[in-house]
Amino acid sequence: MCGITGYLNRSAEPSSNVIIRRMTDSIAHRGPDGEGHFVEENIALGHRRLAIIDLSPAGHQPMMTQNSRYIITYNGEVYNYLELRAELEAKGHRFHSKTDTEVVLCAFEVWKEKCLERLNGMFAFAIWDRAEKQLFLARDRYGIKPLYFAQTKEAFIFGSEIKTILAHGGIEPELNKPGLFEYMTFQNYFTPQTLYKNIELVP
């Protein structure tokens, strides 16, 4: 289990090291093996690492492509990453770690959002495109790995847990009664809503 978090300011207001570190610290229990941050212009990404596949520093996140265009913060396990790695290597790509994280990042670089059709596993990730200034979020088809988000007038905020969104400081915790009724009825969620107003699950 790892933890991801981040936010994108809607204005040109610079992102804050203080805020992203506070958000990342709030999910420290998800990744005792390390933490990382990427802060640039109006975007900030955070990561808490639980090292499993590649225990070396080469697996540090957020991770950047060799051309420095794409940055990923990733949680999960892609079971067919070795097959995908071989396919990408055949296309001329070279890898500097043994992680599935780097494979997912490279797959997005090559196939963009269609890479999701090739990923077999449980995952949640965010990728920032520095050239197009676009943020891409995704999670596995069954929703095994959690990924929450909130939108305010000032920012788009996301993370593996609701507490990291609240740690941002831009959302006031407020009970979402329809979400409470759904959870009390089914002991689960079948819609994007949560117990908090204005905080949703990525479908």
Protein backbone atom coordinates (compact mmCIF):
# COMPACT_ATOMS: atom_id res chain seq x y z
CA MET A 1 0.00 0.00 0.00
CA CYS A 2 1.30 3.41 -1.02
CA GLY A 3 -0.36 6.80 -0.78
CA ILE A 4 -0.76 9.49 -3.41
CA THR A 5 -1.93 13.06 -3.14
CA GLY A 6 -1.76 16.39 -4.90
CA TYR A 7 -3.53 19.51 -6.04
CA LEU A 8 -3.73 21.88 -8.99
CA ASN A 9 -4.45 25.55 -8.45
CA ARG A 10 -6.97 26.86 -10.95
CA SER A 11 -5.24 30.23 -11.06
CA ALA A 12 -1.58 30.96 -11.67
CA GLU A 13 -1.01 30.99 -7.91
CA PRO A 14 2.14 28.96 -7.16
CA SER A 15 1.70 25.66 -5.34
CA SER A 16 3.08 25.38 -1.83
CA ASN A 17 5.71 23.02 -0.42
CA VAL A 18 4.11 23.49 3.00
CA ILE A 19 0.67 22.39 1.83
CA ILE A 20 1.78 19.33 -0.15
CA ARG A 21 4.01 18.17 2.71
CA ARG A 22 1.10 18.54 5.13
CA MET A 23 -1.09 16.51 2.78
CA THR A 24 1.56 13.82 2.34
CA ASP A 25 2.24 13.64 6.07
CA SER A 26 -1.46 12.95 6.70
CA ILE A 27 -1.14 9.59 4.90
CA ALA A 28 2.31 8.64 6.21
CA HIS A 29 0.89 5.33 7.48
CA ARG A 30 0.34 4.22 3.87
CA GLY A 31 4.04 4.35 3.03
CA PRO A 32 6.72 4.02 5.71
CA ASP A 33 9.60 3.54 3.24
CA GLY A 34 9.85 7.07 1.94
CA GLU A 35 8.14 10.19 0.71
CA GLY A 36 8.49 12.49 -2.24
CA HIS A 37 7.12 15.75 -3.58
CA PHE A 38 6.96 17.52 -6.92
CA VAL A 39 6.12 21.23 -6.78
CA GLU A 40 6.14 23.40 -9.89
CA GLU A 41 4.13 26.46 -10.83
CA ASN A 42 0.49 25.73 -9.86
CA ILE A 43 0.80 21.91 -9.49
CA ALA A 44 1.94 19.84 -6.51
CA LEU A 45 2.19 16.03 -6.28
CA GLY A 46 3.00 13.97 -3.20
CA HIS A 47 3.77 10.32 -2.53
CA ARG A 48 4.26 7.96 0.42
CA ARG A 49 6.11 4.81 -0.56
CA LEU A 50 5.78 1.21 0.52
CA ALA A 51 8.60 -0.45 -1.43
CA ILE A 52 7.71 -3.92 -2.71
CA ILE A 53 8.97 -4.65 -6.23
CA ASP A 54 12.08 -2.46 -6.41
CA LEU A 55 13.48 -1.54 -3.00
CA SER A 56 16.17 0.76 -4.42
CA PRO A 57 16.05 4.57 -4.67
CA ALA A 58 15.29 4.10 -8.38
CA GLY A 59 11.67 3.53 -7.37
CA HIS A 60 11.34 6.95 -5.72
CA GLN A 61 8.19 8.91 -6.51
CA PRO A 62 6.90 11.17 -7.90
CA MET A 63 8.70 9.70 -10.92
CA MET A 64 9.54 11.56 -14.12
CA THR A 65 9.97 10.32 -17.69
CA GLN A 66 13.42 10.55 -19.24
CA ASN A 67 12.34 13.54 -21.32
CA SER A 68 11.02 15.23 -18.14
CA ARG A 69 7.58 15.78 -19.66
CA TYR A 70 5.42 13.45 -17.54
CA ILE A 71 5.41 13.00 -13.74
CA ILE A 72 3.50 10.24 -11.95
CA THR A 73 2.44 9.54 -8.40
CA TYR A 74 1.22 5.94 -8.27
CA ASN A 75 -0.29 3.40 -5.89
CA GLY A 76 -0.94 -0.21 -6.81
CA GLU A 77 0.33 -3.25 -8.64
CA VAL A 78 0.09 -4.01 -12.34
CA TYR A 79 0.36 -7.77 -12.72
CA ASN A 80 1.34 -7.77 -16.40
CA TYR A 81 3.99 -5.06 -16.12
CA LEU A 82 6.80 -7.37 -17.25
CA GLU A 83 4.97 -8.12 -20.51
CA LEU A 84 4.27 -4.42 -21.03
CA ARG A 85 7.88 -3.58 -20.24
CA ALA A 86 9.10 -6.04 -22.88
CA GLU A 87 6.71 -4.53 -25.43
CA LEU A 88 7.89 -1.01 -24.64
CA GLU A 89 11.54 -2.05 -24.75
CA ALA A 90 10.91 -3.46 -28.22
CA LYS A 91 9.77 0.04 -29.18
CA GLY A 92 13.12 1.43 -28.03
CA HIS A 93 12.31 2.54 -24.49
CA ARG A 94 14.85 1.99 -21.73
CA PHE A 95 14.08 1.60 -18.04
CA HIS A 96 16.10 2.73 -15.03
CA SER A 97 14.20 0.80 -12.35
CA LYS A 98 12.50 -2.54 -11.94
CA THR A 99 9.21 -0.97 -10.85
CA ASP A 100 5.79 -1.28 -12.37
CA THR A 101 5.48 2.46 -11.72
CA GLU A 102 7.96 3.24 -14.47
CA VAL A 103 6.15 0.87 -16.82
CA VAL A 104 2.82 2.62 -16.19
CA LEU A 105 4.47 5.99 -16.74
CA CYS A 106 6.09 4.87 -19.98
CA ALA A 107 2.84 3.24 -21.12
CA PHE A 108 1.05 6.55 -20.65
CA GLU A 109 3.78 8.35 -22.55
CA VAL A 110 3.29 5.98 -25.51
CA TRP A 111 -0.45 5.26 -25.47
CA LYS A 112 -1.87 8.11 -23.37
CA GLU A 113 -5.25 7.25 -21.76
CA LYS A 114 -5.52 4.09 -23.92
CA CYS A 115 -2.81 2.60 -21.71
CA LEU A 116 -5.61 1.79 -19.26
CA GLU A 117 -6.88 -0.86 -21.68
CA ARG A 118 -3.54 -2.65 -21.27
CA LEU A 119 -3.16 -2.50 -17.50
CA ASN A 120 -4.13 -5.65 -15.60
CA GLY A 121 -4.08 -4.97 -11.91
CA MET A 122 -5.19 -2.72 -9.07
CA PHE A 123 -4.03 0.87 -9.20
CA ALA A 124 -4.68 4.55 -8.70
CA PHE A 125 -2.45 7.22 -10.15
CA ALA A 126 -2.11 10.81 -11.26
CA ILE A 127 0.08 11.99 -14.13
CA TRP A 128 0.98 15.61 -14.83
CA ASP A 129 1.82 16.60 -18.40
CA ARG A 130 4.25 19.52 -18.11
CA ALA A 131 3.95 20.40 -21.80
CA GLU A 132 0.15 20.48 -22.07
CA LYS A 133 -0.41 21.51 -18.44
CA GLN A 134 -2.91 18.68 -17.98
CA LEU A 135 -3.58 16.43 -14.98
CA PHE A 136 -4.77 12.86 -15.62
CA LEU A 137 -6.27 10.67 -12.86
CA ALA A 138 -7.29 7.02 -13.11
CA ARG A 139 -8.01 3.97 -10.99
CA ASP A 140 -8.56 0.29 -11.72
CA ARG A 141 -11.87 -0.94 -13.14
CA TYR A 142 -13.06 -2.52 -9.89
CA GLY A 143 -12.02 0.37 -7.71
CA ILE A 144 -9.77 -1.73 -5.50
CA LYS A 145 -7.39 1.18 -4.94
CA PRO A 146 -9.09 4.31 -3.61
CA LEU A 147 -8.83 7.74 -5.19
CA TYR A 148 -10.82 10.74 -3.97
CA PHE A 149 -11.08 14.25 -5.35
CA ALA A 150 -12.59 17.62 -4.55
CA GLN A 151 -13.12 20.70 -6.66
CA THR A 152 -13.25 24.24 -5.32
CA LYS A 153 -13.11 27.62 -7.03
CA GLU A 154 -9.43 27.75 -6.16
CA ALA A 155 -8.15 24.21 -6.71
CA PHE A 156 -8.62 20.61 -7.79
CA ILE A 157 -7.48 18.36 -4.91
CA PHE A 158 -7.02 14.57 -4.85
CA GLY A 159 -5.64 11.75 -2.75
CA SER A 160 -5.76 8.14 -1.61
CA GLU A 161 -7.72 9.12 1.48
CA ILE A 162 -10.19 11.85 2.35
CA LYS A 163 -7.96 13.03 5.19
CA THR A 164 -5.29 14.17 2.73
CA ILE A 165 -7.85 16.30 0.89
CA LEU A 166 -8.94 17.85 4.18
CA ALA A 167 -5.28 18.47 5.05
CA HIS A 168 -5.06 20.78 2.04
CA GLY A 169 -7.18 23.29 3.92
CA GLY A 170 -9.39 24.31 1.02
CA ILE A 171 -12.34 22.08 1.98
CA GLU A 172 -14.45 22.43 5.11
CA PRO A 173 -15.67 19.01 6.33
CA GLU A 174 -19.43 18.86 5.98
CA LEU A 175 -21.71 15.81 6.24
CA ASN A 176 -23.20 14.53 2.99
CA LYS A 177 -26.51 12.99 4.08
CA PRO A 178 -27.25 11.11 0.82
CA GLY A 179 -23.79 9.56 1.12
CA LEU A 180 -24.51 8.58 4.72
CA PHE A 181 -27.82 6.96 3.74
CA GLU A 182 -26.14 5.02 0.94
CA TYR A 183 -23.41 3.73 3.21
CA MET A 184 -25.80 2.80 6.03
CA THR A 185 -28.01 0.95 3.53
CA PHE A 186 -25.34 -1.01 1.63
CA GLN A 187 -22.24 -0.75 3.85
CA ASN A 188 -20.55 0.40 0.65
CA TYR A 189 -20.72 3.02 -2.09
CA PHE A 190 -22.05 2.35 -5.57
CA THR A 191 -21.91 5.98 -6.66
CA PRO A 192 -19.04 8.51 -6.59
CA GLN A 193 -20.34 10.21 -3.44
CA THR A 194 -18.81 9.94 0.04
CA LEU A 195 -19.72 10.94 3.59
CA TYR A 196 -18.39 14.43 2.86
CA LYS A 197 -20.02 17.10 0.74
CA ASN A 198 -17.94 18.08 -2.28
CA ILE A 199 -15.58 15.10 -1.93
CA GLU A 200 -16.11 12.28 -4.43
CA LEU A 201 -14.56 9.02 -5.55
CA VAL A 202 -13.01 8.75 -9.00
CA PRO A 203 -15.42 6.31 -10.71
